[in-house]
Amino acid sequence: RDPLWSRGLGDVYKRQEYSGYHFCEAEYRSYGDEDISEVYISGVFYDSYVTPSRVDDSFAEFIDAEYDPEATIYNVSCARNQHDSEREAERSRNRAISNWRDRDYEVHRVRWSR
């Protein structure tokens, strides 16, 4: 058995590079006396990185430190918002903002760069 062809999907995933134009979204929710649904969306930025979870963690830490949201973090995503051009990423970001608003989320646009 050839060890090169026996690598698991985890090894392949770890080596993938995510280069292109990105924006990040951090969704916060809290349920109680008053339900809170809010999302923080970064501006578009170009980046090339190997592990998307590090970018997600960095964005979440920034939001918690700079904005101190009232709700609990629910989901953070940067890698899925990868685009080949800045214009395409801006259009996608604007659609995301509209979609969040349609779901009655409070949308916060934030300045953050990787």
Protein backbone atom coordinates (compact mmCIF):
# COMPACT_ATOMS: atom_id res chain seq x y z
CA ARG A 1 0.00 0.00 0.00
CA ASP A 2 1.42 3.38 -1.02
CA PRO A 3 1.43 5.76 2.01
CA LEU A 4 1.00 8.78 -0.27
CA TRP A 5 -2.38 7.46 -1.46
CA SER A 6 -3.39 6.27 2.02
CA ARG A 7 -3.71 9.69 3.59
CA GLY A 8 -7.00 10.51 5.23
CA LEU A 9 -9.28 13.36 4.28
CA GLY A 10 -8.18 15.21 7.41
CA ASP A 11 -4.65 15.47 6.01
CA VAL A 12 -5.98 16.85 2.75
CA TYR A 13 -8.24 19.33 4.55
CA LYS A 14 -5.38 20.56 6.72
CA ARG A 15 -3.30 21.39 3.63
CA GLN A 16 -6.05 23.18 1.69
CA GLU A 17 -5.44 26.84 1.06
CA TYR A 18 -8.32 29.29 1.07
CA SER A 19 -7.16 32.26 -0.93
CA GLY A 20 -9.44 34.95 -2.29
CA TYR A 21 -11.69 37.72 -1.08
CA HIS A 22 -13.55 37.01 2.12
CA PHE A 23 -15.90 38.48 4.66
CA CYS A 24 -16.76 37.03 8.04
CA GLU A 25 -20.06 36.66 9.83
CA ALA A 26 -20.51 36.12 13.56
CA GLU A 27 -24.03 35.19 14.64
CA TYR A 28 -25.13 35.77 18.23
CA ARG A 29 -28.39 34.57 19.78
CA SER A 30 -29.92 34.66 23.21
CA TYR A 31 -33.33 33.46 24.33
CA GLY A 32 -35.01 34.57 27.52
CA ASP A 33 -37.22 37.44 28.64
CA GLU A 34 -36.11 39.23 25.50
CA ASP A 35 -34.88 37.24 22.50
CA ILE A 36 -31.75 38.68 20.92
CA SER A 37 -30.61 37.86 17.38
CA GLU A 38 -27.70 39.81 15.97
CA VAL A 39 -24.93 39.34 13.48
CA TYR A 40 -21.58 41.08 13.04
CA ILE A 41 -20.25 41.24 9.47
CA SER A 42 -16.73 42.26 8.52
CA GLY A 43 -15.75 44.21 5.46
CA VAL A 44 -14.29 42.39 2.48
CA PHE A 45 -10.60 41.51 2.66
CA TYR A 46 -8.12 39.45 0.64
CA ASP A 47 -6.35 36.65 2.40
CA SER A 48 -4.69 33.32 1.88
CA TYR A 49 -4.67 30.97 4.81
CA VAL A 50 -4.47 27.30 5.58
CA THR A 51 -6.81 26.81 8.54
CA PRO A 52 -10.14 28.65 8.42
CA SER A 53 -10.88 27.93 12.08
CA ARG A 54 -8.04 30.28 13.11
CA VAL A 55 -9.66 33.11 11.16
CA ASP A 56 -13.06 32.30 12.67
CA ASP A 57 -11.57 32.30 16.17
CA SER A 58 -9.73 35.57 15.57
CA PHE A 59 -12.89 37.28 14.31
CA ALA A 60 -14.94 35.98 17.26
CA GLU A 61 -12.30 37.20 19.74
CA PHE A 62 -12.31 40.63 18.08
CA ILE A 63 -16.12 40.91 18.25
CA ASP A 64 -16.22 39.85 21.90
CA ALA A 65 -13.45 42.29 22.87
CA GLU A 66 -14.55 45.31 20.83
CA TYR A 67 -18.34 45.06 20.88
CA ASP A 68 -19.20 42.94 23.94
CA PRO A 69 -22.45 41.50 22.49
CA GLU A 70 -25.36 40.90 24.83
CA ALA A 71 -26.18 37.56 23.24
CA THR A 72 -24.22 34.30 23.23
CA ILE A 73 -22.12 33.38 20.23
CA TYR A 74 -23.89 30.85 18.05
CA ASN A 75 -21.88 30.56 14.84
CA VAL A 76 -18.86 32.20 13.19
CA SER A 77 -18.00 31.65 9.55
CA CYS A 78 -15.36 33.13 7.27
CA ALA A 79 -14.19 30.37 4.94
CA ARG A 80 -17.52 29.79 3.22
CA ASN A 81 -17.53 33.39 2.06
CA GLN A 82 -14.58 32.98 -0.29
CA HIS A 83 -14.74 34.74 -3.67
CA ASP A 84 -12.49 35.22 -6.68
CA SER A 85 -13.01 38.98 -6.96
CA GLU A 86 -13.56 41.84 -4.56
CA ARG A 87 -16.66 42.91 -6.47
CA GLU A 88 -18.18 39.43 -6.19
CA ALA A 89 -17.43 39.37 -2.46
CA GLU A 90 -19.04 42.79 -1.94
CA ARG A 91 -22.20 41.65 -3.74
CA SER A 92 -22.31 38.50 -1.66
CA ARG A 93 -21.79 40.50 1.54
CA ASN A 94 -24.65 42.86 0.61
CA ARG A 95 -26.92 39.86 -0.05
CA ALA A 96 -25.93 38.38 3.31
CA ILE A 97 -26.80 41.65 5.07
CA SER A 98 -30.22 41.69 3.39
CA ASN A 99 -30.82 38.05 4.28
CA TRP A 100 -29.98 38.66 7.94
CA ARG A 101 -32.30 41.66 8.04
CA ASP A 102 -35.09 39.61 6.42
CA ARG A 103 -34.69 37.17 9.33
CA ASP A 104 -35.10 40.08 11.80
CA TYR A 105 -31.49 40.10 12.95
CA GLU A 106 -29.82 43.28 14.09
CA VAL A 107 -26.91 43.68 11.65
CA HIS A 108 -23.63 45.28 12.72
CA ARG A 109 -21.05 46.14 10.06
CA VAL A 110 -17.60 46.12 11.61
CA ARG A 111 -14.10 47.10 10.55
CA TRP A 112 -11.81 44.15 10.93
CA SER A 113 -8.91 42.88 8.94
CA ARG A 114 -6.99 39.71 9.25
